Amino acid sequence: MRLIDSNIIIYAAKDEFAYLRPLLLSEDVHVSVISKAETLGYHKLTEEE
């Protein structure tokens, strides 16, 4: 099991860090409720990201 931090999710939304996206699709990846809230509340993400 791998626990992913909100920073990884936020970076993966950016084109220059697209190489992180496959990591997020792995079956053994988990995200805590806190990381989900931090990601959704990140002020520099656009609606599309």
PDB file of N, CA and C in Angstrom:
ATOM      1  N   MET A   1       0.848  -1.178   0.000  1.00  0.00           N
ATOM      2  CA  MET A   1       0.000   0.000   0.000  1.00  0.00           C
ATOM      3  C   MET A   1       0.891   1.237   0.000  1.00  0.00           C
ATOM      4  N   ARG A   2       0.525   2.212  -0.827  1.00  0.00           N
ATOM      5  CA  ARG A   2       1.222   3.490  -0.858  1.00  0.00           C
ATOM      6  C   ARG A   2       0.218   4.586  -0.534  1.00  0.00           C
ATOM      7  N   LEU A   3       0.579   5.449   0.395  1.00  0.00           N
ATOM      8  CA  LEU A   3      -0.265   6.573   0.776  1.00  0.00           C
ATOM      9  C   LEU A   3       0.271   7.816   0.081  1.00  0.00           C
ATOM     10  N   ILE A   4      -0.579   8.452  -0.719  1.00  0.00           N
ATOM     11  CA  ILE A   4      -0.174   9.595  -1.532  1.00  0.00           C
ATOM     12  C   ILE A   4      -0.552  10.891  -0.826  1.00  0.00           C
ATOM     13  N   ASP A   5       0.403  11.816  -0.780  1.00  0.00           N
ATOM     14  CA  ASP A   5       0.198  13.123  -0.172  1.00  0.00           C
ATOM     15  C   ASP A   5      -0.509  14.062  -1.157  1.00  0.00           C
ATOM     16  N   SER A   6      -1.146  15.077  -0.634  1.00  0.00           N
ATOM     17  CA  SER A   6      -1.867  16.031  -1.472  1.00  0.00           C
ATOM     18  C   SER A   6      -0.952  16.731  -2.474  1.00  0.00           C
ATOM     19  N   ASN A   7       0.290  16.968  -2.128  1.00  0.00           N
ATOM     20  CA  ASN A   7       1.215  17.631  -3.060  1.00  0.00           C
ATOM     21  C   ASN A   7       1.386  16.824  -4.344  1.00  0.00           C
ATOM     22  N   ILE A   8       1.453  15.516  -4.239  1.00  0.00           N
ATOM     23  CA  ILE A   8       1.600  14.668  -5.420  1.00  0.00           C
ATOM     24  C   ILE A   8       0.369  14.790  -6.312  1.00  0.00           C
ATOM     25  N   ILE A   9      -0.794  14.820  -5.718  1.00  0.00           N
ATOM     26  CA  ILE A   9      -2.038  14.952  -6.483  1.00  0.00           C
ATOM     27  C   ILE A   9      -2.085  16.307  -7.179  1.00  0.00           C
ATOM     28  N   ILE A  10      -1.732  17.351  -6.461  1.00  0.00           N
ATOM     29  CA  ILE A  10      -1.737  18.705  -7.026  1.00  0.00           C
ATOM     30  C   ILE A  10      -0.731  18.819  -8.164  1.00  0.00           C
ATOM     31  N   TYR A  11       0.470  18.311  -7.966  1.00  0.00           N
ATOM     32  CA  TYR A  11       1.474  18.359  -9.030  1.00  0.00           C
ATOM     33  C   TYR A  11       1.029  17.553 -10.246  1.00  0.00           C
ATOM     34  N   ALA A  12       0.404  16.414 -10.033  1.00  0.00           N
ATOM     35  CA  ALA A  12      -0.034  15.564 -11.136  1.00  0.00           C
ATOM     36  C   ALA A  12      -1.074  16.263 -12.016  1.00  0.00           C
ATOM     37  N   ALA A  13      -1.771  17.237 -11.476  1.00  0.00           N
ATOM     38  CA  ALA A  13      -2.762  17.979 -12.249  1.00  0.00           C
ATOM     39  C   ALA A  13      -2.110  18.946 -13.229  1.00  0.00           C
ATOM     40  N   LYS A  14      -0.846  19.258 -13.022  1.00  0.00           N
ATOM     41  CA  LYS A  14      -0.122  20.188 -13.887  1.00  0.00           C
ATOM     42  C   LYS A  14       0.525  19.427 -15.035  1.00  0.00           C
ATOM     43  N   ASP A  15       0.520  20.029 -16.223  1.00  0.00           N
ATOM     44  CA  ASP A  15       1.062  19.368 -17.410  1.00  0.00           C
ATOM     45  C   ASP A  15       2.528  18.988 -17.262  1.00  0.00           C
ATOM     46  N   GLU A  16       3.326  19.831 -16.611  1.00  0.00           N
ATOM     47  CA  GLU A  16       4.761  19.536 -16.506  1.00  0.00           C
ATOM     48  C   GLU A  16       5.065  18.351 -15.584  1.00  0.00           C
ATOM     49  N   PHE A  17       4.084  17.916 -14.821  1.00  0.00           N
ATOM     50  CA  PHE A  17       4.252  16.767 -13.934  1.00  0.00           C
ATOM     51  C   PHE A  17       3.335  15.610 -14.332  1.00  0.00           C
ATOM     52  N   ALA A  18       2.971  15.554 -15.598  1.00  0.00           N
ATOM     53  CA  ALA A  18       2.058  14.518 -16.093  1.00  0.00           C
ATOM     54  C   ALA A  18       2.588  13.105 -15.848  1.00  0.00           C
ATOM     55  N   TYR A  19       3.894  12.964 -15.708  1.00  0.00           N
ATOM     56  CA  TYR A  19       4.483  11.637 -15.463  1.00  0.00           C
ATOM     57  C   TYR A  19       4.042  11.050 -14.120  1.00  0.00           C
ATOM     58  N   LEU A  20       3.465  11.868 -13.236  1.00  0.00           N
ATOM     59  CA  LEU A  20       2.980  11.371 -11.941  1.00  0.00           C
ATOM     60  C   LEU A  20       1.600  10.706 -12.047  1.00  0.00           C
ATOM     61  N   ARG A  21       0.877  10.986 -13.093  1.00  0.00           N
ATOM     62  CA  ARG A  21      -0.500  10.493 -13.218  1.00  0.00           C
ATOM     63  C   ARG A  21      -0.626   8.981 -13.181  1.00  0.00           C
ATOM     64  N   PRO A  22       0.247   8.227 -13.858  1.00  0.00           N
ATOM     65  CA  PRO A  22       0.124   6.766 -13.769  1.00  0.00           C
ATOM     66  C   PRO A  22       0.277   6.250 -12.333  1.00  0.00           C
ATOM     67  N   LEU A  23       1.062   6.930 -11.534  1.00  0.00           N
ATOM     68  CA  LEU A  23       1.225   6.547 -10.133  1.00  0.00           C
ATOM     69  C   LEU A  23      -0.117   6.585  -9.411  1.00  0.00           C
ATOM     70  N   LEU A  24      -0.911   7.594  -9.703  1.00  0.00           N
ATOM     71  CA  LEU A  24      -2.203   7.744  -9.037  1.00  0.00           C
ATOM     72  C   LEU A  24      -3.212   6.678  -9.450  1.00  0.00           C
ATOM     73  N   LEU A  25      -2.975   6.044 -10.579  1.00  0.00           N
ATOM     74  CA  LEU A  25      -3.899   5.023 -11.076  1.00  0.00           C
ATOM     75  C   LEU A  25      -3.562   3.616 -10.592  1.00  0.00           C
ATOM     76  N   SER A  26      -2.460   3.479  -9.876  1.00  0.00           N
ATOM     77  CA  SER A  26      -2.067   2.168  -9.359  1.00  0.00           C
ATOM     78  C   SER A  26      -3.075   1.679  -8.335  1.00  0.00           C
ATOM     79  N   GLU A  27      -3.287   0.384  -8.323  1.00  0.00           N
ATOM     80  CA  GLU A  27      -4.272  -0.203  -7.409  1.00  0.00           C
ATOM     81  C   GLU A  27      -3.869  -0.106  -5.952  1.00  0.00           C
ATOM     82  N   ASP A  28      -2.569  -0.052  -5.665  1.00  0.00           N
ATOM     83  CA  ASP A  28      -2.121  -0.032  -4.273  1.00  0.00           C
ATOM     84  C   ASP A  28      -1.959   1.376  -3.714  1.00  0.00           C
ATOM     85  N   VAL A  29      -2.466   2.383  -4.416  1.00  0.00           N
ATOM     86  CA  VAL A  29      -2.367   3.774  -3.973  1.00  0.00           C
ATOM     87  C   VAL A  29      -3.624   4.160  -3.206  1.00  0.00           C
ATOM     88  N   HIS A  30      -3.419   4.825  -2.086  1.00  0.00           N
ATOM     89  CA  HIS A  30      -4.524   5.295  -1.254  1.00  0.00           C
ATOM     90  C   HIS A  30      -4.297   6.758  -0.905  1.00  0.00           C
ATOM     91  N   VAL A  31      -5.404   7.482  -0.707  1.00  0.00           N
ATOM     92  CA  VAL A  31      -5.351   8.898  -0.360  1.00  0.00           C
ATOM     93  C   VAL A  31      -6.191   9.096   0.896  1.00  0.00           C
ATOM     94  N   SER A  32      -5.622   9.780   1.873  1.00  0.00           N
ATOM     95  CA  SER A  32      -6.363  10.017   3.107  1.00  0.00           C
ATOM     96  C   SER A  32      -7.441  11.079   2.885  1.00  0.00           C
ATOM     97  N   VAL A  33      -8.406  11.104   3.768  1.00  0.00           N
ATOM     98  CA  VAL A  33      -9.474  12.100   3.702  1.00  0.00           C
ATOM     99  C   VAL A  33      -8.884  13.502   3.823  1.00  0.00           C
ATOM    100  N   ILE A  34      -7.894  13.658   4.661  1.00  0.00           N
ATOM    101  CA  ILE A  34      -7.238  14.960   4.839  1.00  0.00           C
ATOM    102  C   ILE A  34      -6.581  15.402   3.526  1.00  0.00           C
ATOM    103  N   SER A  35      -5.869  14.492   2.857  1.00  0.00           N
ATOM    104  CA  SER A  35      -5.229  14.830   1.584  1.00  0.00           C
ATOM    105  C   SER A  35      -6.264  15.198   0.525  1.00  0.00           C
ATOM    106  N   LYS A  36      -7.397  14.509   0.511  1.00  0.00           N
ATOM    107  CA  LYS A  36      -8.462  14.860  -0.434  1.00  0.00           C
ATOM    108  C   LYS A  36      -8.961  16.277  -0.170  1.00  0.00           C
ATOM    109  N   ALA A  37      -9.194  16.618   1.084  1.00  0.00           N
ATOM    110  CA  ALA A  37      -9.674  17.953   1.441  1.00  0.00           C
ATOM    111  C   ALA A  37      -8.639  19.018   1.095  1.00  0.00           C
ATOM    112  N   GLU A  38      -7.370  18.737   1.358  1.00  0.00           N
ATOM    113  CA  GLU A  38      -6.306  19.688   1.025  1.00  0.00           C
ATOM    114  C   GLU A  38      -6.234  19.917  -0.476  1.00  0.00           C
ATOM    115  N   THR A  39      -6.366  18.857  -1.240  1.00  0.00           N
ATOM    116  CA  THR A  39      -6.293  18.961  -2.699  1.00  0.00           C
ATOM    117  C   THR A  39      -7.464  19.765  -3.247  1.00  0.00           C
ATOM    118  N   LEU A  40      -8.656  19.449  -2.792  1.00  0.00           N
ATOM    119  CA  LEU A  40      -9.839  20.155  -3.294  1.00  0.00           C
ATOM    120  C   LEU A  40      -9.854  21.621  -2.870  1.00  0.00           C
ATOM    121  N   GLY A  41      -9.174  21.936  -1.775  1.00  0.00           N
ATOM    122  CA  GLY A  41      -9.131  23.315  -1.291  1.00  0.00           C
ATOM    123  C   GLY A  41      -7.940  24.105  -1.768  1.00  0.00           C
ATOM    124  N   TYR A  42      -7.080  23.512  -2.603  1.00  0.00           N
ATOM    125  CA  TYR A  42      -5.878  24.204  -3.073  1.00  0.00           C
ATOM    126  C   TYR A  42      -6.286  25.345  -3.994  1.00  0.00           C
ATOM    127  N   HIS A  43      -5.910  26.544  -3.661  1.00  0.00           N
ATOM    128  CA  HIS A  43      -6.393  27.749  -4.339  1.00  0.00           C
ATOM    129  C   HIS A  43      -5.835  27.983  -5.744  1.00  0.00           C
ATOM    130  N   LYS A  44      -4.746  27.330  -6.118  1.00  0.00           N
ATOM    131  CA  LYS A  44      -4.169  27.581  -7.438  1.00  0.00           C
ATOM    132  C   LYS A  44      -4.628  26.584  -8.493  1.00  0.00           C
ATOM    133  N   LEU A  45      -5.450  25.613  -8.120  1.00  0.00           N
ATOM    134  CA  LEU A  45      -5.988  24.676  -9.114  1.00  0.00           C
ATOM    135  C   LEU A  45      -7.131  25.347  -9.865  1.00  0.00           C
ATOM    136  N   THR A  46      -7.167  25.129 -11.153  1.00  0.00           N
ATOM    137  CA  THR A  46      -8.279  25.654 -11.942  1.00  0.00           C
ATOM    138  C   THR A  46      -9.438  24.669 -11.896  1.00  0.00           C
ATOM    139  N   GLU A  47     -10.583  25.097 -12.329  1.00  0.00           N
ATOM    140  CA  GLU A  47     -11.767  24.226 -12.349  1.00  0.00           C
ATOM    141  C   GLU A  47     -11.493  22.988 -13.204  1.00  0.00           C
ATOM    142  N   GLU A  48     -10.818  23.172 -14.318  1.00  0.00           N
ATOM    143  CA  GLU A  48     -10.508  22.064 -15.223  1.00  0.00           C
ATOM    144  C   GLU A  48      -9.581  21.036 -14.582  1.00  0.00           C
ATOM    145  N   GLU A  49      -8.566  21.502 -13.836  1.00  0.00           N
ATOM    146  CA  GLU A  49      -7.598  20.596 -13.202  1.00  0.00           C
ATOM    147  C   GLU A  49      -8.283  19.800 -12.114  1.00  0.00           C
TER     148      GLU A  49
END
